[in-house]
Amino acid sequence: MLQVRLLILFSSALLGTGLVAPTISIEPRAGEFTWLVVLWDEEATETVTYSIFGAIRDLYLMNNFFLALVLGLFSLAFPVFKLSLYWLATVHPPNSSSLGSLLKWTGRLSKFSMVEVLFLALMILTVKALPGGSEATIEWGAYLFVASALGSMVVPMLLEKPIEKGAN
């Protein structure tokens, strides 16, 4: 059980850091007219770097409440709630019925684990598809976030092992 708790703590630390670390950098370009945009508004072509938390905050401040809510649910609320349920599961005896119901709930929540990763991939594809040659670059915070999601996918497998051994 100690290694499961350490994995939960490690995944939590990766999640927390991944939420505030640089996640994506966008370098806007206007194709052959980039020089004109630079003359008109130099700041419009400066590279902008976002963290997941910063993107949620900026969406909220720009009155995009729905997008801020969706991104907040899938990248903040679900992962934190799921890791909290995992931690609760480590407190229960290995073969208790409450552990089984906690694992059932976390199994339902795990479907949302990679939604943020999918959202990030779609955002990069969207930026790359824009005319003018804009570039999107994944930053190190995205890798931490993905590592947290992968770590939290391993936890239920480790929690279910004692139940399977007890059934034999």
Protein backbone atom coordinates (compact mmCIF):
# COMPACT_ATOMS: atom_id res chain seq x y z
CA MET A 1 0.00 0.00 0.00
CA LEU A 2 2.97 2.29 0.58
CA GLN A 3 3.99 2.21 -3.08
CA VAL A 4 0.42 3.07 -4.12
CA ARG A 5 0.39 6.07 -1.78
CA LEU A 6 3.78 7.18 -3.10
CA LEU A 7 2.48 6.92 -6.66
CA ILE A 8 -0.59 8.98 -5.72
CA LEU A 9 1.62 11.61 -4.07
CA PHE A 10 3.97 11.65 -7.07
CA SER A 11 1.03 11.95 -9.50
CA SER A 12 -0.41 14.75 -7.37
CA ALA A 13 2.90 16.63 -7.40
CA LEU A 14 3.16 16.19 -11.18
CA LEU A 15 -0.42 17.40 -11.59
CA GLY A 16 0.09 20.48 -9.42
CA THR A 17 3.30 21.42 -11.18
CA GLY A 18 1.89 20.61 -14.61
CA LEU A 19 -1.09 22.91 -14.02
CA VAL A 20 1.04 25.99 -13.32
CA ALA A 21 4.09 25.23 -15.49
CA PRO A 22 4.35 26.42 -19.11
CA THR A 23 2.20 24.10 -21.22
CA ILE A 24 1.96 25.59 -24.69
CA SER A 25 3.68 28.44 -26.52
CA ILE A 26 2.01 30.06 -29.49
CA GLU A 27 4.02 32.08 -31.98
CA PRO A 28 1.55 34.01 -34.16
CA ARG A 29 2.50 34.75 -37.76
CA ALA A 30 0.72 36.42 -40.65
CA GLY A 31 2.58 34.76 -43.50
CA GLU A 32 4.13 37.19 -45.94
CA PHE A 33 2.37 40.06 -44.14
CA THR A 34 4.07 39.40 -40.79
CA TRP A 35 6.34 42.41 -41.36
CA LEU A 36 3.24 44.63 -41.75
CA VAL A 37 1.70 43.28 -38.57
CA VAL A 38 5.00 43.93 -36.76
CA LEU A 39 4.94 47.55 -37.99
CA TRP A 40 1.31 47.98 -36.97
CA ASP A 41 1.41 46.15 -33.61
CA GLU A 42 4.68 44.47 -32.65
CA GLU A 43 3.10 42.80 -29.62
CA ALA A 44 0.70 40.91 -31.89
CA THR A 45 3.55 38.72 -33.13
CA GLU A 46 5.19 38.03 -29.78
CA THR A 47 5.23 34.45 -28.56
CA VAL A 48 2.69 33.80 -25.81
CA THR A 49 3.13 30.95 -23.34
CA TYR A 50 0.23 29.53 -21.35
CA SER A 51 -0.04 27.22 -18.41
CA ILE A 52 -3.23 25.21 -17.99
CA PHE A 53 -4.20 27.25 -14.94
CA GLY A 54 -3.28 30.48 -16.76
CA ALA A 55 -5.39 29.50 -19.75
CA ILE A 56 -8.39 28.84 -17.50
CA ARG A 57 -7.87 32.20 -15.78
CA ASP A 58 -7.49 34.04 -19.10
CA LEU A 59 -10.59 32.39 -20.55
CA TYR A 60 -12.54 33.47 -17.47
CA LEU A 61 -11.21 37.04 -17.66
CA MET A 62 -12.16 37.18 -21.37
CA ASN A 63 -15.73 36.17 -20.39
CA ASN A 64 -15.43 32.74 -22.03
CA PHE A 65 -17.07 31.16 -19.02
CA PHE A 66 -18.15 27.95 -20.76
CA LEU A 67 -14.64 27.15 -22.03
CA ALA A 68 -13.14 28.09 -18.67
CA LEU A 69 -15.62 25.79 -16.93
CA VAL A 70 -15.02 22.85 -19.29
CA LEU A 71 -11.24 23.20 -19.13
CA GLY A 72 -11.41 23.65 -15.34
CA LEU A 73 -13.54 20.54 -14.91
CA PHE A 74 -11.40 18.27 -17.07
CA SER A 75 -7.97 19.57 -16.09
CA LEU A 76 -8.49 20.59 -12.45
CA ALA A 77 -11.59 19.14 -10.85
CA PHE A 78 -11.62 15.61 -12.29
CA PRO A 79 -7.92 14.85 -11.75
CA VAL A 80 -7.93 16.27 -8.20
CA PHE A 81 -11.15 14.46 -7.30
CA LYS A 82 -9.87 11.20 -8.78
CA LEU A 83 -6.55 11.38 -6.92
CA SER A 84 -8.50 12.17 -3.73
CA LEU A 85 -10.65 9.07 -4.24
CA TYR A 86 -7.51 7.01 -4.77
CA TRP A 87 -6.09 8.32 -1.52
CA LEU A 88 -9.33 7.40 0.27
CA ALA A 89 -9.12 3.94 -1.28
CA THR A 90 -5.72 3.39 0.35
CA VAL A 91 -7.29 3.94 3.78
CA HIS A 92 -9.87 1.15 3.38
CA PRO A 93 -9.06 -2.54 3.96
CA PRO A 94 -8.07 -4.28 0.69
CA ASN A 95 -11.20 -6.46 0.43
CA SER A 96 -13.85 -4.05 1.75
CA SER A 97 -16.98 -3.23 -0.25
CA SER A 98 -16.28 0.48 0.10
CA LEU A 99 -12.96 0.00 -1.72
CA GLY A 100 -14.82 -1.71 -4.55
CA SER A 101 -17.29 1.17 -4.86
CA LEU A 102 -14.47 3.74 -4.74
CA LEU A 103 -12.67 1.89 -7.52
CA LYS A 104 -15.90 1.81 -9.54
CA TRP A 105 -16.22 5.59 -9.22
CA THR A 106 -12.61 6.20 -10.10
CA GLY A 107 -13.02 3.92 -13.10
CA ARG A 108 -15.84 6.14 -14.30
CA LEU A 109 -13.74 9.25 -13.72
CA SER A 110 -10.67 7.81 -15.43
CA LYS A 111 -12.45 8.15 -18.76
CA PHE A 112 -11.88 11.88 -18.41
CA SER A 113 -8.16 11.58 -17.60
CA MET A 114 -6.89 12.20 -21.07
CA VAL A 115 -9.48 14.77 -22.17
CA GLU A 116 -7.09 17.62 -21.37
CA VAL A 117 -4.36 15.94 -23.40
CA LEU A 118 -6.82 15.62 -26.30
CA PHE A 119 -7.80 19.28 -25.89
CA LEU A 120 -4.13 20.30 -26.00
CA ALA A 121 -3.53 18.24 -29.15
CA LEU A 122 -6.59 19.78 -30.84
CA MET A 123 -5.40 23.26 -29.88
CA ILE A 124 -1.98 22.61 -31.44
CA LEU A 125 -3.58 21.27 -34.62
CA THR A 126 -5.85 24.31 -34.77
CA VAL A 127 -2.96 26.76 -34.39
CA LYS A 128 -0.90 24.91 -37.00
CA ALA A 129 -3.85 24.97 -39.40
CA LEU A 130 -4.18 28.75 -39.18
CA PRO A 131 -3.01 30.60 -42.26
CA GLY A 132 0.24 32.51 -41.97
CA GLY A 133 2.45 29.83 -40.45
CA SER A 134 1.64 30.28 -36.76
CA GLU A 135 3.49 27.80 -34.56
CA ALA A 136 2.43 26.01 -31.38
CA THR A 137 5.03 24.34 -29.20
CA ILE A 138 4.42 21.92 -26.35
CA GLU A 139 6.25 23.02 -23.19
CA TRP A 140 7.51 20.94 -20.28
CA GLY A 141 4.37 21.46 -18.16
CA ALA A 142 2.35 19.45 -20.67
CA TYR A 143 4.66 16.48 -20.19
CA LEU A 144 4.25 16.69 -16.41
CA PHE A 145 0.48 16.83 -16.80
CA VAL A 146 0.48 13.78 -19.08
CA ALA A 147 2.82 11.93 -16.69
CA SER A 148 0.37 12.65 -13.86
CA ALA A 149 -2.53 11.30 -15.92
CA LEU A 150 -0.54 8.15 -16.77
CA GLY A 151 0.49 7.68 -13.14
CA SER A 152 -3.11 7.98 -12.01
CA MET A 153 -4.08 5.34 -14.56
CA VAL A 154 -1.71 2.84 -12.90
CA VAL A 155 -3.08 3.39 -9.37
CA PRO A 156 -6.36 1.45 -9.82
CA MET A 157 -4.43 -1.52 -11.19
CA LEU A 158 -2.30 -1.56 -8.05
CA LEU A 159 -5.35 -1.11 -5.81
CA GLU A 160 -7.22 -3.98 -7.47
CA LYS A 161 -4.40 -6.51 -6.96
CA PRO A 162 -5.22 -7.19 -3.27
CA ILE A 163 -8.88 -7.71 -4.19
CA GLU A 164 -7.95 -10.27 -6.84
CA LYS A 165 -5.59 -12.09 -4.47
CA GLY A 166 -8.28 -12.16 -1.80
CA ALA A 167 -10.78 -13.72 -4.22
CA ASN A 168 -8.53 -16.76 -4.84
